[in-house]
Amino acid sequence: MKKGIHPENYRPVVFKDMSNDEIFISQSTINAKETIEIDGVTYPLVKLEITSSSHPFYTGKQKLVDTAGRVDKFMNRYAKRAQNKK
């Protein structure tokens, strides 16, 4: 490892998965604007949208997110095309 190129300010940081409220503490140099208190100790808090505890690949649970009926719109559009070809 080269000397002088790696940060020196590693410290414990709490990462929180916002989809399932799971938290874990890891060493990091990331800047955090928020803090959280766990067991009487205050840590910097980094909020994450998805982690391995909530990602479908790791959990085995697939979610179909249908925003504004996109699946229905797709099915209707191609059903009409199939009827027009007949």
Protein backbone atom coordinates (compact mmCIF):
# COMPACT_ATOMS: atom_id res chain seq x y z
CA MET A 1 0.00 0.00 0.00
CA LYS A 2 1.36 3.43 -0.93
CA LYS A 3 1.97 5.80 1.94
CA GLY A 4 0.25 9.18 2.12
CA ILE A 5 -2.61 8.52 -0.32
CA HIS A 6 -5.16 6.98 2.04
CA PRO A 7 -7.35 9.03 4.41
CA GLU A 8 -6.51 9.02 8.08
CA ASN A 9 -9.93 9.98 9.46
CA TYR A 10 -11.62 6.57 9.64
CA ARG A 11 -14.26 6.46 12.35
CA PRO A 12 -17.38 4.42 13.17
CA VAL A 13 -20.38 5.51 11.08
CA VAL A 14 -23.97 4.23 11.23
CA PHE A 15 -25.56 3.27 7.90
CA LYS A 16 -29.36 3.02 7.93
CA ASP A 17 -31.44 1.26 5.28
CA MET A 18 -34.53 3.46 4.91
CA SER A 19 -36.68 0.73 3.35
CA ASN A 20 -36.53 -1.62 6.36
CA ASP A 21 -34.94 0.56 9.10
CA GLU A 22 -32.01 -1.84 9.57
CA ILE A 23 -28.82 -0.21 10.80
CA PHE A 24 -25.21 -1.29 10.84
CA ILE A 25 -22.00 0.33 12.06
CA SER A 26 -18.88 0.34 9.93
CA GLN A 27 -15.64 2.28 9.67
CA SER A 28 -15.81 5.06 7.07
CA THR A 29 -14.51 8.49 6.12
CA ILE A 30 -17.83 9.65 4.64
CA ASN A 31 -19.14 13.06 5.67
CA ALA A 32 -22.54 12.90 7.36
CA LYS A 33 -24.88 15.77 8.20
CA GLU A 34 -27.00 13.82 10.69
CA THR A 35 -26.16 11.90 13.86
CA ILE A 36 -27.77 9.07 15.77
CA GLU A 37 -27.32 7.83 19.32
CA ILE A 38 -26.91 4.09 19.85
CA ASP A 39 -26.22 2.65 23.31
CA GLY A 40 -25.28 6.11 24.62
CA VAL A 41 -22.73 6.78 21.84
CA THR A 42 -23.37 9.38 19.13
CA TYR A 43 -22.39 8.35 15.59
CA PRO A 44 -22.61 10.09 12.22
CA LEU A 45 -25.66 8.76 10.29
CA VAL A 46 -25.76 7.95 6.57
CA LYS A 47 -29.18 7.06 5.15
CA LEU A 48 -29.30 4.55 2.29
CA GLU A 49 -32.20 3.70 0.01
CA ILE A 50 -31.21 0.06 -0.44
CA THR A 51 -28.69 -2.33 1.10
CA SER A 52 -28.06 -6.05 0.98
CA SER A 53 -30.73 -6.50 3.67
CA SER A 54 -33.44 -5.10 1.38
CA HIS A 55 -32.18 -5.71 -2.17
CA PRO A 56 -34.25 -8.34 -4.04
CA PHE A 57 -31.13 -10.15 -5.25
CA TYR A 58 -30.02 -10.86 -1.68
CA THR A 59 -33.44 -11.34 -0.09
CA GLY A 60 -34.94 -13.48 -2.85
CA LYS A 61 -38.11 -11.39 -2.82
CA GLN A 62 -38.99 -9.72 -6.10
CA LYS A 63 -41.16 -6.62 -6.04
CA LEU A 64 -43.02 -5.42 -9.10
CA VAL A 65 -43.17 -1.66 -8.90
CA ASP A 66 -45.92 -0.48 -11.22
CA THR A 67 -45.61 3.27 -11.48
CA ALA A 68 -48.69 4.91 -12.97
CA GLY A 69 -49.99 1.64 -14.40
CA ARG A 70 -47.10 1.11 -16.83
CA VAL A 71 -47.65 -2.63 -17.01
CA ASP A 72 -51.35 -2.13 -17.77
CA LYS A 73 -50.56 0.48 -20.41
CA PHE A 74 -48.08 -1.90 -22.05
CA MET A 75 -50.55 -4.78 -22.08
CA ASN A 76 -53.35 -2.59 -23.48
CA ARG A 77 -51.14 -1.15 -26.20
CA TYR A 78 -50.00 -4.53 -27.47
CA ALA A 79 -53.45 -6.09 -27.12
CA LYS A 80 -54.80 -3.41 -29.45
CA ARG A 81 -52.02 -4.11 -31.98
CA ALA A 82 -52.81 -7.83 -31.93
CA GLN A 83 -56.51 -7.08 -32.56
CA ASN A 84 -55.67 -4.71 -35.45
CA LYS A 85 -53.55 -7.37 -37.17
CA LYS A 86 -56.46 -9.86 -37.14
